[in-house]
């Protein structure tokens, strides 16, 4: 006896919610690319900085790279679960100009400000996904809330770094 695949009659996977599901997949795809681009930029910004003061920033970015990659994978897995297709590299269009490596490798403040901007953008987008999922998809909403918590922690850490640099007259 062959197994049959049935489409759920309720929820985000139902035929009735195909339009909303497509919108959600589009939002998750944007989140996926945001995380992938952040991994690329954090990699560069964890390798390039010079100076004693850069070490803590470098170490924080190195830790964040793995976490951000994990977020990208979670977004990708959810896209697939929603009957979407995770895009390949030819669909990638970079947007994070603020996270490009600074002209001078000792300009750690540039890196800190770029990270804050990236995390703020992620937080804004993920809040939109959470709001969109209300009464539509609690599974995705729960996953994004978990990721949102991580991003808020990253931003808070780098805001602390920036306050320290400002207090010392370096920013």
N, C-alpha and C. Protein backbone atom coordinates (compact mmCIF):
# COMPACT_ATOMS: atom_id res chain seq x y z
N UNK A 1 0.84 -1.18 0.00
CA UNK A 1 0.00 0.00 0.00
C UNK A 1 0.89 1.25 0.00
N UNK A 2 0.70 2.12 -0.93
CA UNK A 2 1.50 3.34 -1.04
C UNK A 2 0.99 4.37 -0.04
N UNK A 3 1.93 5.11 0.54
CA UNK A 3 1.50 6.15 1.46
C UNK A 3 1.09 7.38 0.66
N UNK A 4 0.12 8.06 1.17
CA UNK A 4 -0.36 9.26 0.49
C UNK A 4 0.01 10.48 1.31
N UNK A 5 0.29 11.55 0.60
CA UNK A 5 0.54 12.81 1.26
C UNK A 5 -0.76 13.59 1.28
N UNK A 6 -1.12 14.06 2.44
CA UNK A 6 -2.34 14.85 2.53
C UNK A 6 -2.00 16.26 2.94
N UNK A 7 -2.73 17.18 2.41
CA UNK A 7 -2.54 18.58 2.76
C UNK A 7 -3.40 18.89 3.97
N UNK A 8 -2.83 19.52 4.99
CA UNK A 8 -3.64 19.85 6.16
C UNK A 8 -4.81 20.76 5.78
N UNK A 9 -5.88 20.63 6.50
CA UNK A 9 -7.08 21.43 6.23
C UNK A 9 -7.05 22.77 6.95
N UNK A 10 -6.15 22.91 7.93
CA UNK A 10 -6.08 24.14 8.71
C UNK A 10 -4.63 24.56 8.84
N UNK A 11 -4.41 25.82 9.18
CA UNK A 11 -3.08 26.31 9.46
C UNK A 11 -2.32 26.75 8.23
N UNK A 12 -1.09 27.16 8.46
CA UNK A 12 -0.26 27.77 7.42
C UNK A 12 0.03 26.81 6.27
N UNK A 13 -0.03 25.49 6.51
CA UNK A 13 0.25 24.52 5.45
C UNK A 13 -0.98 24.19 4.60
N UNK A 14 -2.13 24.73 4.95
CA UNK A 14 -3.35 24.43 4.21
C UNK A 14 -3.40 25.20 2.89
N UNK A 15 -4.19 24.68 1.97
CA UNK A 15 -4.36 25.35 0.66
C UNK A 15 -4.97 26.74 0.83
N UNK A 16 -5.86 26.88 1.80
CA UNK A 16 -6.52 28.17 2.02
C UNK A 16 -5.53 29.27 2.40
N UNK A 17 -4.38 28.88 2.93
CA UNK A 17 -3.40 29.88 3.37
C UNK A 17 -2.18 29.94 2.44
N UNK A 18 -2.33 29.48 1.21
CA UNK A 18 -1.22 29.46 0.26
C UNK A 18 -0.65 30.86 0.04
N UNK A 19 -1.49 31.86 -0.06
CA UNK A 19 -1.02 33.24 -0.27
C UNK A 19 -0.21 33.75 0.91
N UNK A 20 -0.71 33.53 2.11
CA UNK A 20 0.01 33.94 3.31
C UNK A 20 1.32 33.17 3.45
N UNK A 21 1.26 31.88 3.11
CA UNK A 21 2.46 31.06 3.18
C UNK A 21 3.53 31.59 2.22
N UNK A 22 3.12 31.96 1.02
CA UNK A 22 4.08 32.53 0.05
C UNK A 22 4.70 33.83 0.59
N UNK A 23 3.87 34.67 1.21
CA UNK A 23 4.39 35.90 1.80
C UNK A 23 5.39 35.59 2.90
N UNK A 24 5.06 34.61 3.73
CA UNK A 24 5.94 34.23 4.83
C UNK A 24 7.25 33.65 4.30
N UNK A 25 7.18 32.83 3.28
CA UNK A 25 8.40 32.27 2.69
C UNK A 25 9.28 33.40 2.17
N UNK A 26 8.68 34.41 1.57
CA UNK A 26 9.44 35.57 1.09
C UNK A 26 10.13 36.29 2.25
N UNK A 27 9.43 36.46 3.35
CA UNK A 27 10.02 37.12 4.52
C UNK A 27 11.13 36.27 5.13
N UNK A 28 10.92 34.97 5.17
CA UNK A 28 11.94 34.06 5.72
C UNK A 28 13.16 33.99 4.80
N UNK A 29 12.94 34.10 3.51
CA UNK A 29 14.05 34.10 2.56
C UNK A 29 14.90 35.35 2.76
N UNK A 30 14.25 36.49 2.97
CA UNK A 30 15.01 37.70 3.26
C UNK A 30 15.82 37.52 4.54
N UNK A 31 15.21 36.94 5.57
CA UNK A 31 15.91 36.69 6.84
C UNK A 31 17.09 35.75 6.61
N UNK A 32 16.90 34.74 5.80
CA UNK A 32 17.96 33.79 5.47
C UNK A 32 19.15 34.53 4.86
N UNK A 33 18.88 35.38 3.87
CA UNK A 33 19.96 36.12 3.21
C UNK A 33 20.61 37.12 4.16
N UNK A 34 19.84 37.73 5.04
CA UNK A 34 20.42 38.66 6.02
C UNK A 34 21.44 37.93 6.89
N UNK A 35 21.09 36.73 7.32
CA UNK A 35 21.99 35.95 8.17
C UNK A 35 23.23 35.50 7.39
N UNK A 36 23.05 35.05 6.15
CA UNK A 36 24.19 34.61 5.33
C UNK A 36 25.14 35.79 5.10
N UNK A 37 24.59 36.95 4.76
CA UNK A 37 25.44 38.12 4.53
C UNK A 37 26.15 38.54 5.81
N UNK A 38 25.49 38.42 6.93
CA UNK A 38 26.11 38.76 8.20
C UNK A 38 27.28 37.82 8.48
N UNK A 39 27.13 36.54 8.18
CA UNK A 39 28.22 35.59 8.36
C UNK A 39 29.43 36.02 7.51
N UNK A 40 29.19 36.40 6.28
CA UNK A 40 30.27 36.84 5.39
C UNK A 40 30.96 38.07 5.98
N UNK A 41 30.18 39.06 6.36
CA UNK A 41 30.74 40.31 6.88
C UNK A 41 31.42 40.12 8.23
N UNK A 42 30.81 39.33 9.12
CA UNK A 42 31.43 39.08 10.41
C UNK A 42 32.74 38.32 10.24
N UNK A 43 32.79 37.44 9.25
CA UNK A 43 34.05 36.72 8.99
C UNK A 43 35.15 37.70 8.64
N UNK A 44 34.88 38.58 7.69
CA UNK A 44 35.89 39.58 7.29
C UNK A 44 36.27 40.46 8.48
N UNK A 45 35.25 40.89 9.23
CA UNK A 45 35.50 41.81 10.34
C UNK A 45 36.07 41.13 11.57
N UNK A 46 36.14 39.80 11.56
CA UNK A 46 36.80 39.11 12.66
C UNK A 46 38.25 38.78 12.29
N UNK A 47 38.59 38.94 11.03
CA UNK A 47 39.95 38.66 10.56
C UNK A 47 40.76 39.94 10.38
N UNK A 48 40.16 40.98 9.85
CA UNK A 48 40.88 42.19 9.47
C UNK A 48 41.39 43.09 10.61
N UNK A 49 40.66 43.25 11.71
CA UNK A 49 41.09 44.24 12.71
C UNK A 49 42.47 43.99 13.29
N UNK A 50 43.16 45.08 13.53
CA UNK A 50 44.48 45.07 14.17
C UNK A 50 44.41 45.84 15.47
N UNK A 51 45.29 45.50 16.38
CA UNK A 51 45.43 46.26 17.61
C UNK A 51 44.94 45.49 18.82
N UNK A 52 45.48 45.86 19.95
CA UNK A 52 45.14 45.22 21.22
C UNK A 52 43.66 45.38 21.52
N UNK A 53 43.12 46.55 21.25
CA UNK A 53 41.72 46.85 21.57
C UNK A 53 40.75 46.05 20.70
N UNK A 54 41.22 45.54 19.59
CA UNK A 54 40.35 44.83 18.67
C UNK A 54 40.04 43.40 19.12
N UNK A 55 40.85 42.85 20.00
CA UNK A 55 40.75 41.43 20.33
C UNK A 55 39.37 41.02 20.84
N UNK A 56 38.79 41.78 21.74
CA UNK A 56 37.48 41.41 22.29
C UNK A 56 36.39 41.45 21.20
N UNK A 57 36.48 42.43 20.32
CA UNK A 57 35.53 42.54 19.22
C UNK A 57 35.68 41.32 18.30
N UNK A 58 36.91 40.98 17.96
CA UNK A 58 37.20 39.83 17.11
C UNK A 58 36.62 38.55 17.73
N UNK A 59 36.86 38.35 19.00
CA UNK A 59 36.37 37.14 19.68
C UNK A 59 34.84 37.09 19.69
N UNK A 60 34.20 38.22 19.91
CA UNK A 60 32.74 38.26 19.91
C UNK A 60 32.18 37.93 18.53
N UNK A 61 32.81 38.50 17.50
CA UNK A 61 32.36 38.22 16.13
C UNK A 61 32.56 36.75 15.77
N UNK A 62 33.68 36.18 16.20
CA UNK A 62 33.93 34.77 15.90
C UNK A 62 32.85 33.88 16.51
N UNK A 63 32.41 34.20 17.72
CA UNK A 63 31.33 33.44 18.35
C UNK A 63 30.02 33.65 17.60
N UNK A 64 29.76 34.90 17.21
CA UNK A 64 28.51 35.23 16.53
C UNK A 64 28.41 34.57 15.16
N UNK A 65 29.52 34.35 14.49
CA UNK A 65 29.49 33.74 13.15
C UNK A 65 28.75 32.40 13.20
N UNK A 66 29.11 31.56 14.14
CA UNK A 66 28.47 30.25 14.25
C UNK A 66 26.98 30.38 14.59
N UNK A 67 26.66 31.32 15.45
CA UNK A 67 25.26 31.51 15.83
C UNK A 67 24.44 32.02 14.64
N UNK A 68 25.00 32.98 13.90
CA UNK A 68 24.29 33.53 12.74
C UNK A 68 24.12 32.47 11.65
N UNK A 69 25.12 31.63 11.46
CA UNK A 69 25.01 30.53 10.49
C UNK A 69 23.90 29.57 10.93
N UNK A 70 23.83 29.31 12.22
CA UNK A 70 22.75 28.47 12.74
C UNK A 70 21.38 29.09 12.48
N UNK A 71 21.29 30.41 12.62
CA UNK A 71 20.02 31.10 12.33
C UNK A 71 19.66 30.91 10.86
N UNK A 72 20.63 31.10 9.97
CA UNK A 72 20.37 30.94 8.53
C UNK A 72 19.85 29.53 8.24
N UNK A 73 20.47 28.55 8.86
CA UNK A 73 20.04 27.16 8.64
C UNK A 73 18.61 26.93 9.16
N UNK A 74 18.29 27.53 10.30
CA UNK A 74 16.93 27.40 10.83
C UNK A 74 15.91 28.04 9.91
N UNK A 75 16.25 29.24 9.38
CA UNK A 75 15.35 29.88 8.43
C UNK A 75 15.19 29.02 7.19
N UNK A 76 16.29 28.48 6.69
CA UNK A 76 16.23 27.62 5.51
C UNK A 76 15.38 26.37 5.74
N UNK A 77 15.55 25.75 6.89
CA UNK A 77 14.76 24.56 7.20
C UNK A 77 13.27 24.88 7.27
N UNK A 78 12.95 26.06 7.83
CA UNK A 78 11.53 26.43 7.91
C UNK A 78 10.97 26.75 6.53
N UNK A 79 11.77 27.37 5.68
CA UNK A 79 11.33 27.63 4.30
C UNK A 79 10.94 26.31 3.64
N UNK A 80 11.78 25.30 3.79
CA UNK A 80 11.50 24.00 3.20
C UNK A 80 10.23 23.38 3.79
N UNK A 81 10.09 23.45 5.11
CA UNK A 81 8.90 22.89 5.77
C UNK A 81 7.62 23.54 5.26
N UNK A 82 7.72 24.80 4.84
CA UNK A 82 6.55 25.53 4.32
C UNK A 82 6.37 25.32 2.82
N UNK A 83 7.05 24.32 2.27
CA UNK A 83 6.99 23.96 0.85
C UNK A 83 7.71 24.95 -0.05
N UNK A 84 8.63 25.72 0.51
CA UNK A 84 9.43 26.63 -0.29
C UNK A 84 10.75 25.98 -0.65
N UNK A 85 11.54 26.70 -1.41
CA UNK A 85 12.86 26.23 -1.82
C UNK A 85 13.90 27.23 -1.33
N UNK A 86 14.89 26.74 -0.63
CA UNK A 86 15.97 27.60 -0.15
C UNK A 86 16.81 28.00 -1.37
N UNK A 87 17.03 29.30 -1.57
CA UNK A 87 17.73 29.76 -2.76
C UNK A 87 19.22 29.46 -2.73
N UNK A 88 19.82 29.44 -3.91
CA UNK A 88 21.26 29.26 -4.05
C UNK A 88 21.97 30.58 -4.19
N UNK A 89 23.28 30.52 -4.30
CA UNK A 89 24.11 31.72 -4.27
C UNK A 89 23.83 32.70 -5.41
N UNK A 90 23.32 32.24 -6.54
CA UNK A 90 23.06 33.16 -7.65
C UNK A 90 21.95 34.15 -7.33
N UNK A 91 21.13 33.84 -6.33
CA UNK A 91 20.06 34.75 -5.92
C UNK A 91 20.52 35.77 -4.88
N UNK A 92 21.74 35.65 -4.42
CA UNK A 92 22.23 36.54 -3.36
C UNK A 92 22.50 37.94 -3.89
N UNK A 93 21.97 38.94 -3.18
CA UNK A 93 22.22 40.35 -3.50
C UNK A 93 22.60 41.06 -2.21
N UNK A 94 23.88 41.41 -2.06
CA UNK A 94 24.32 42.03 -0.80
C UNK A 94 23.66 43.39 -0.56
N UNK A 95 23.44 43.68 0.73
CA UNK A 95 22.80 44.94 1.13
C UNK A 95 23.53 45.63 2.28
N UNK A 96 24.46 44.95 2.94
CA UNK A 96 25.04 45.47 4.17
C UNK A 96 26.30 46.31 3.92
N UNK A 97 26.13 47.44 3.26
CA UNK A 97 27.28 48.32 3.00
C UNK A 97 27.94 48.77 4.30
N UNK A 98 27.16 48.95 5.34
CA UNK A 98 27.66 49.42 6.64
C UNK A 98 28.56 48.40 7.34
N UNK A 99 28.55 47.15 6.88
CA UNK A 99 29.39 46.13 7.51
C UNK A 99 30.65 45.82 6.69
N UNK A 100 30.90 46.63 5.67
CA UNK A 100 32.12 46.42 4.90
C UNK A 100 33.32 46.78 5.77
N UNK A 101 34.44 46.08 5.58
CA UNK A 101 35.62 46.37 6.40
C UNK A 101 36.04 47.84 6.27
N UNK A 102 36.49 48.42 7.39
CA UNK A 102 36.90 49.83 7.36
C UNK A 102 38.20 50.01 6.57
N UNK A 103 38.45 51.24 6.17
CA UNK A 103 39.66 51.56 5.42
C UNK A 103 40.91 51.25 6.24
N UNK A 104 40.84 51.57 7.54
CA UNK A 104 41.97 51.32 8.43
C UNK A 104 41.63 50.14 9.35
N UNK A 105 42.52 49.17 9.42
CA UNK A 105 42.24 47.96 10.19
C UNK A 105 42.19 48.20 11.70
N UNK A 106 42.59 49.36 12.14
CA UNK A 106 42.49 49.69 13.57
C UNK A 106 41.17 50.42 13.89
N UNK A 107 40.34 50.66 12.89
CA UNK A 107 39.08 51.36 13.09
C UNK A 107 38.00 50.39 13.58
N UNK A 108 38.14 50.00 14.83
CA UNK A 108 37.23 49.03 15.43
C UNK A 108 35.84 49.65 15.66
N UNK A 109 35.77 50.95 15.86
CA UNK A 109 34.49 51.62 16.08
C UNK A 109 33.60 51.45 14.84
N UNK A 110 34.19 51.53 13.66
CA UNK A 110 33.43 51.31 12.42
C UNK A 110 32.78 49.93 12.44
N UNK A 111 33.53 48.93 12.86
CA UNK A 111 33.02 47.56 12.92
C UNK A 111 31.89 47.48 13.95
N UNK A 112 32.09 48.06 15.12
CA UNK A 112 31.08 48.03 16.18
C UNK A 112 29.78 48.67 15.68
N UNK A 113 29.88 49.85 15.06
CA UNK A 113 28.68 50.52 14.56
C UNK A 113 27.99 49.70 13.46
N UNK A 114 28.78 49.05 12.61
CA UNK A 114 28.21 48.19 11.57
C UNK A 114 27.44 47.02 12.15
N UNK A 115 28.00 46.40 13.20
CA UNK A 115 27.32 45.28 13.85
C UNK A 115 26.01 45.75 14.47
N UNK A 116 26.03 46.89 15.12
CA UNK A 116 24.80 47.42 15.73
C UNK A 116 23.74 47.65 14.66
N UNK A 117 24.15 48.20 13.52
CA UNK A 117 23.19 48.45 12.44
C UNK A 117 22.65 47.14 11.88
N UNK A 118 23.52 46.15 11.71
CA UNK A 118 23.07 44.85 11.19
C UNK A 118 22.09 44.19 12.15
N UNK A 119 22.41 44.21 13.43
CA UNK A 119 21.54 43.59 14.42
C UNK A 119 20.21 44.33 14.51
N UNK A 120 20.24 45.64 14.40
CA UNK A 120 19.01 46.44 14.44
C UNK A 120 18.13 46.10 13.25
N UNK A 121 18.73 45.96 12.06
CA UNK A 121 17.97 45.58 10.87
C UNK A 121 17.34 44.21 11.03
N UNK A 122 18.09 43.27 11.58
CA UNK A 122 17.56 41.92 11.81
C UNK A 122 16.41 41.97 12.81
N UNK A 123 16.59 42.70 13.89
CA UNK A 123 15.55 42.82 14.91
C UNK A 123 14.27 43.41 14.31
N UNK A 124 14.41 44.45 13.51
CA UNK A 124 13.23 45.07 12.87
C UNK A 124 12.51 44.06 11.96
N UNK A 125 13.29 43.37 11.12
CA UNK A 125 12.68 42.43 10.19
C UNK A 125 12.04 41.25 10.92
N UNK A 126 12.71 40.75 11.94
CA UNK A 126 12.19 39.59 12.66
C UNK A 126 10.93 39.95 13.45
N UNK A 127 10.85 41.19 13.95
CA UNK A 127 9.61 41.63 14.59
C UNK A 127 8.46 41.66 13.60
N UNK A 128 8.74 42.03 12.34
CA UNK A 128 7.69 42.01 11.30
C UNK A 128 7.21 40.58 11.05
N UNK A 129 8.14 39.64 11.04
CA UNK A 129 7.76 38.24 10.84
C UNK A 129 6.90 37.76 12.01
N UNK A 130 7.31 38.09 13.23
CA UNK A 130 6.55 37.69 14.42
C UNK A 130 5.13 38.24 14.34
N UNK A 131 4.99 39.51 13.98
CA UNK A 131 3.66 40.12 13.86
C UNK A 131 2.85 39.46 12.74
N UNK A 132 3.49 39.19 11.61
CA UNK A 132 2.81 38.55 10.49
C UNK A 132 2.27 37.18 10.89
N UNK A 133 3.02 36.47 11.70
CA UNK A 133 2.66 35.09 12.08
C UNK A 133 1.52 35.00 13.08
N UNK A 134 1.17 36.12 13.73
CA UNK A 134 0.06 36.10 14.70
C UNK A 134 -1.15 35.45 14.06
N UNK A 135 -1.73 34.47 14.72
CA UNK A 135 -2.94 33.76 14.28
C UNK A 135 -2.77 33.05 12.94
N UNK A 136 -1.52 32.92 12.44
CA UNK A 136 -1.29 32.23 11.18
C UNK A 136 -0.35 31.04 11.34
N UNK A 137 0.78 31.28 12.03
CA UNK A 137 1.83 30.25 12.09
C UNK A 137 2.62 30.40 13.38
N UNK A 138 2.16 29.71 14.40
CA UNK A 138 2.80 29.81 15.70
C UNK A 138 4.15 29.10 15.74
N UNK A 139 4.35 28.12 14.89
CA UNK A 139 5.63 27.40 14.85
C UNK A 139 6.73 28.35 14.37
N UNK A 140 6.48 29.01 13.24
CA UNK A 140 7.47 29.98 12.74
C UNK A 140 7.63 31.12 13.73
N UNK A 141 6.55 31.59 14.28
CA UNK A 141 6.61 32.69 15.23
C UNK A 141 7.50 32.34 16.42
N UNK A 142 7.33 31.14 16.96
CA UNK A 142 8.14 30.70 18.09
C UNK A 142 9.62 30.65 17.72
N UNK A 143 9.93 30.10 16.55
CA UNK A 143 11.31 30.01 16.09
C UNK A 143 11.93 31.41 15.95
N UNK A 144 11.19 32.32 15.34
CA UNK A 144 11.72 33.67 15.11
C UNK A 144 11.88 34.42 16.42
N UNK A 145 10.99 34.22 17.36
CA UNK A 145 11.14 34.86 18.68
C UNK A 145 12.44 34.38 19.33
N UNK A 146 12.74 33.12 19.22
CA UNK A 146 13.98 32.57 19.77
C UNK A 146 15.20 33.22 19.11
N UNK A 147 15.17 33.34 17.80
CA UNK A 147 16.28 33.98 17.07
C UNK A 147 16.35 35.46 17.42
N UNK A 148 15.21 36.10 17.54
CA UNK A 148 15.15 37.52 17.91
C UNK A 148 15.83 37.76 19.25
N UNK A 149 15.64 36.87 20.18
CA UNK A 149 16.29 36.98 21.48
C UNK A 149 17.81 37.01 21.32
N UNK A 150 18.34 36.14 20.48
CA UNK A 150 19.79 36.12 20.22
C UNK A 150 20.26 37.44 19.64
N UNK A 151 19.51 37.96 18.66
CA UNK A 151 19.92 39.19 17.99
C UNK A 151 19.90 40.38 18.95
N UNK A 152 18.91 40.43 19.83
CA UNK A 152 18.86 41.50 20.82
C UNK A 152 20.06 41.43 21.74
N UNK A 153 20.48 40.22 22.11
CA UNK A 153 21.67 40.06 22.94
C UNK A 153 22.93 40.52 22.23
N UNK A 154 23.05 40.20 20.94
CA UNK A 154 24.21 40.65 20.16
C UNK A 154 24.26 42.18 20.12
N UNK A 155 23.10 42.79 19.81
CA UNK A 155 23.08 44.25 19.71
C UNK A 155 23.46 44.88 21.06
N UNK A 156 22.91 44.35 22.12
CA UNK A 156 23.19 44.90 23.46
C UNK A 156 24.68 44.82 23.78
N UNK A 157 25.32 43.72 23.45
CA UNK A 157 26.75 43.56 23.69
C UNK A 157 27.56 44.62 22.94
N UNK A 158 27.24 44.82 21.67
CA UNK A 158 28.00 45.78 20.87
C UNK A 158 27.65 47.23 21.23
N UNK A 159 26.45 47.48 21.71
CA UNK A 159 26.13 48.81 22.24
C UNK A 159 27.01 49.10 23.45
N UNK A 160 27.26 48.09 24.27
CA UNK A 160 28.16 48.25 25.41
C UNK A 160 29.58 48.56 24.97
N UNK A 161 30.06 47.87 23.93
CA UNK A 161 31.39 48.17 23.39
C UNK A 161 31.45 49.62 22.92
N UNK A 162 30.41 50.07 22.22
CA UNK A 162 30.40 51.44 21.71
C UNK A 162 30.38 52.46 22.85
N UNK A 163 29.60 52.20 23.89
CA UNK A 163 29.57 53.11 25.05
C UNK A 163 30.95 53.22 25.68
N UNK A 164 31.65 52.11 25.76
CA UNK A 164 32.99 52.11 26.33
C UNK A 164 33.94 52.97 25.49
N UNK A 165 33.88 52.80 24.18
CA UNK A 165 34.74 53.60 23.30
C UNK A 165 34.39 55.08 23.39
N UNK A 166 33.09 55.39 23.51
CA UNK A 166 32.67 56.80 23.63
C UNK A 166 33.17 57.38 24.96
N UNK A 167 33.07 56.62 26.03
CA UNK A 167 33.50 57.08 27.34
C UNK A 167 34.99 57.40 27.36
N UNK A 168 35.74 56.69 26.53
CA UNK A 168 37.19 56.91 26.46
C UNK A 168 37.57 57.92 25.37
N UNK A 169 36.56 58.52 24.74
CA UNK A 169 36.82 59.52 23.71
C UNK A 169 37.31 58.94 22.40
N UNK A 170 37.05 57.66 22.16
CA UNK A 170 37.54 57.00 20.95
C UNK A 170 36.46 56.82 19.89
N UNK A 171 35.26 57.26 20.20
CA UNK A 171 34.16 57.13 19.21
C UNK A 171 33.36 58.42 19.16
